[in-house]
Amino acid sequence: MPNTRPLSPHLGIYRWRVNMWQSTLHRLTGLYLCFGALIVAWGLIAAATSGGAWNIFAAFCASVIGQILLFLWTWSLLYHLCNGIQHLLRDAGTGFGPPRRDREFAPSYWSAGWIVIVLSVVLTVAVWVLLILRVAGGAA
């Protein structure tokens, strides 16, 4: 009698939880950080080449697309940092013993996951507010 069951469950049967979002975001932000490193390298090469090359780079960074890319790169950097720190704390094993692991409906790392996501957004906004104030000649 042939077995008609699938070899492994499809992703559609799982409920997306914050730790799944974190895993996906961590990988995506890592890729975006690689892309951002190319932008940084372009800036360094432009600064070392000539004033004209730097002006092209600066014009790109000042454009709307450049600003969006830099904002997303800043968020990626801060999210990756916050999530990495959380992983270091999780590696200590706090809250992962058998009594908590198997019987708790909402493990502590779920709330910590949302804290990491929110903290990364708050830090990104804070960095950009400070940058804008600095450029505008404010007190920052």
Protein backbone atom coordinates (compact mmCIF):
# COMPACT_ATOMS: atom_id res chain seq x y z
CA MET A 1 0.00 0.00 0.00
CA PRO A 2 1.60 3.32 -1.05
CA ASN A 3 1.94 6.08 1.49
CA THR A 4 0.10 9.19 0.26
CA ARG A 5 1.21 11.46 3.10
CA PRO A 6 3.79 14.10 2.26
CA LEU A 7 7.35 13.50 3.38
CA SER A 8 7.43 16.72 5.38
CA PRO A 9 4.77 19.23 6.40
CA HIS A 10 4.27 22.26 4.25
CA LEU A 11 4.93 25.67 5.76
CA GLY A 12 1.25 26.50 5.49
CA ILE A 13 0.39 24.38 8.52
CA TYR A 14 2.53 26.47 10.86
CA ARG A 15 1.31 29.61 12.58
CA TRP A 16 3.79 32.41 12.06
CA ARG A 17 5.18 33.47 15.41
CA VAL A 18 7.61 36.20 16.26
CA ASN A 19 10.61 33.87 16.33
CA MET A 20 9.86 32.84 12.74
CA TRP A 21 9.68 36.52 11.74
CA GLN A 22 12.95 37.15 13.56
CA SER A 23 14.70 34.32 11.78
CA THR A 24 13.49 35.55 8.40
CA LEU A 25 14.32 39.18 9.16
CA HIS A 26 17.78 38.25 10.47
CA ARG A 27 18.63 36.54 7.20
CA LEU A 28 17.16 39.33 5.05
CA THR A 29 18.88 42.07 7.03
CA GLY A 30 22.16 40.17 6.73
CA LEU A 31 21.76 40.19 2.95
CA TYR A 32 20.83 43.87 2.99
CA LEU A 33 23.89 44.66 5.11
CA CYS A 34 26.03 43.11 2.37
CA PHE A 35 24.32 45.39 -0.15
CA GLY A 36 24.88 48.36 2.19
CA ALA A 37 28.56 47.48 2.42
CA LEU A 38 28.74 47.98 -1.35
CA ILE A 39 27.28 51.47 -0.91
CA VAL A 40 29.86 52.22 1.79
CA ALA A 41 32.64 50.91 -0.48
CA TRP A 42 31.33 53.10 -3.30
CA GLY A 43 31.50 56.10 -0.95
CA LEU A 44 35.05 55.29 0.14
CA ILE A 45 36.20 54.80 -3.44
CA ALA A 46 34.48 58.03 -4.49
CA ALA A 47 36.14 59.92 -1.62
CA ALA A 48 39.55 58.58 -2.62
CA THR A 49 39.07 59.20 -6.34
CA SER A 50 38.00 62.79 -6.96
CA GLY A 51 35.64 65.55 -6.00
CA GLY A 52 33.45 64.77 -8.99
CA ALA A 53 33.09 61.13 -7.99
CA TRP A 54 32.25 62.21 -4.45
CA ASN A 55 29.63 64.66 -5.74
CA ILE A 56 27.93 61.85 -7.69
CA PHE A 57 27.91 59.66 -4.58
CA ALA A 58 26.65 62.51 -2.39
CA ALA A 59 23.89 63.31 -4.90
CA PHE A 60 22.78 59.68 -4.85
CA CYS A 61 22.73 59.64 -1.04
CA ALA A 62 20.74 62.89 -0.97
CA SER A 63 18.13 61.56 -3.42
CA VAL A 64 14.88 60.05 -2.18
CA ILE A 65 15.97 56.54 -3.22
CA GLY A 66 19.34 57.02 -1.55
CA GLN A 67 17.70 58.24 1.66
CA ILE A 68 15.33 55.25 1.71
CA LEU A 69 18.20 52.82 1.12
CA LEU A 70 20.29 54.44 3.86
CA PHE A 71 17.35 54.41 6.29
CA LEU A 72 16.71 50.72 5.58
CA TRP A 73 20.43 49.99 5.89
CA THR A 74 20.49 51.71 9.29
CA TRP A 75 17.47 49.68 10.42
CA SER A 76 19.07 46.47 9.11
CA LEU A 77 22.24 47.21 11.03
CA LEU A 78 20.43 47.97 14.28
CA TYR A 79 18.01 45.03 13.94
CA HIS A 80 20.87 42.65 13.21
CA LEU A 81 22.75 44.02 16.24
CA CYS A 82 19.75 43.76 18.62
CA ASN A 83 18.85 40.30 17.37
CA GLY A 84 22.47 39.15 17.71
CA ILE A 85 22.55 40.36 21.31
CA GLN A 86 19.30 38.51 21.96
CA HIS A 87 20.82 35.34 20.50
CA LEU A 88 23.80 35.68 22.84
CA LEU A 89 21.42 35.96 25.79
CA ARG A 90 19.38 32.99 24.57
CA ASP A 91 22.56 30.93 24.27
CA ALA A 92 22.92 31.27 28.04
CA GLY A 93 19.82 29.04 28.22
CA THR A 94 17.68 31.22 30.45
CA GLY A 95 14.03 30.15 30.35
CA PHE A 96 14.65 27.09 28.20
CA GLY A 97 14.49 24.34 30.85
CA PRO A 98 11.98 21.48 30.45
CA PRO A 99 9.37 22.96 32.85
CA ARG A 100 9.13 26.18 30.82
CA ARG A 101 9.91 24.83 27.38
CA ASP A 102 7.09 22.31 27.11
CA ARG A 103 4.26 23.74 29.20
CA GLU A 104 4.27 27.45 28.63
CA PHE A 105 1.92 28.71 25.91
CA ALA A 106 3.79 31.98 25.32
CA PRO A 107 7.50 31.48 26.07
CA SER A 108 9.49 34.46 27.30
CA TYR A 109 11.43 34.66 24.05
CA TRP A 110 8.25 35.60 22.16
CA SER A 111 7.88 38.86 24.06
CA ALA A 112 11.63 39.41 23.83
CA GLY A 113 11.34 38.96 20.05
CA TRP A 114 8.79 41.76 19.77
CA ILE A 115 10.99 43.92 22.01
CA VAL A 116 13.92 43.39 19.63
CA ILE A 117 11.85 44.40 16.59
CA VAL A 118 10.39 47.48 18.28
CA LEU A 119 13.74 48.49 19.81
CA SER A 120 15.43 48.31 16.40
CA VAL A 121 12.79 50.62 14.91
CA VAL A 122 13.04 53.05 17.85
CA LEU A 123 16.85 53.12 17.64
CA THR A 124 16.72 53.69 13.88
CA VAL A 125 14.34 56.62 14.25
CA ALA A 126 16.51 58.04 17.05
CA VAL A 127 19.66 57.80 14.92
CA TRP A 128 17.96 59.53 11.99
CA VAL A 129 16.46 62.25 14.18
CA LEU A 130 19.93 62.94 15.60
CA LEU A 131 21.42 62.99 12.09
CA ILE A 132 18.76 65.39 10.82
CA LEU A 133 19.25 67.68 13.82
CA ARG A 134 23.00 67.58 13.30
CA VAL A 135 22.73 68.42 9.59
CA ALA A 136 20.22 71.18 10.33
CA GLY A 137 22.62 72.67 12.88
CA GLY A 138 20.58 71.69 15.92
CA ALA A 139 21.82 70.87 19.39
CA ALA A 140 22.65 67.23 18.64
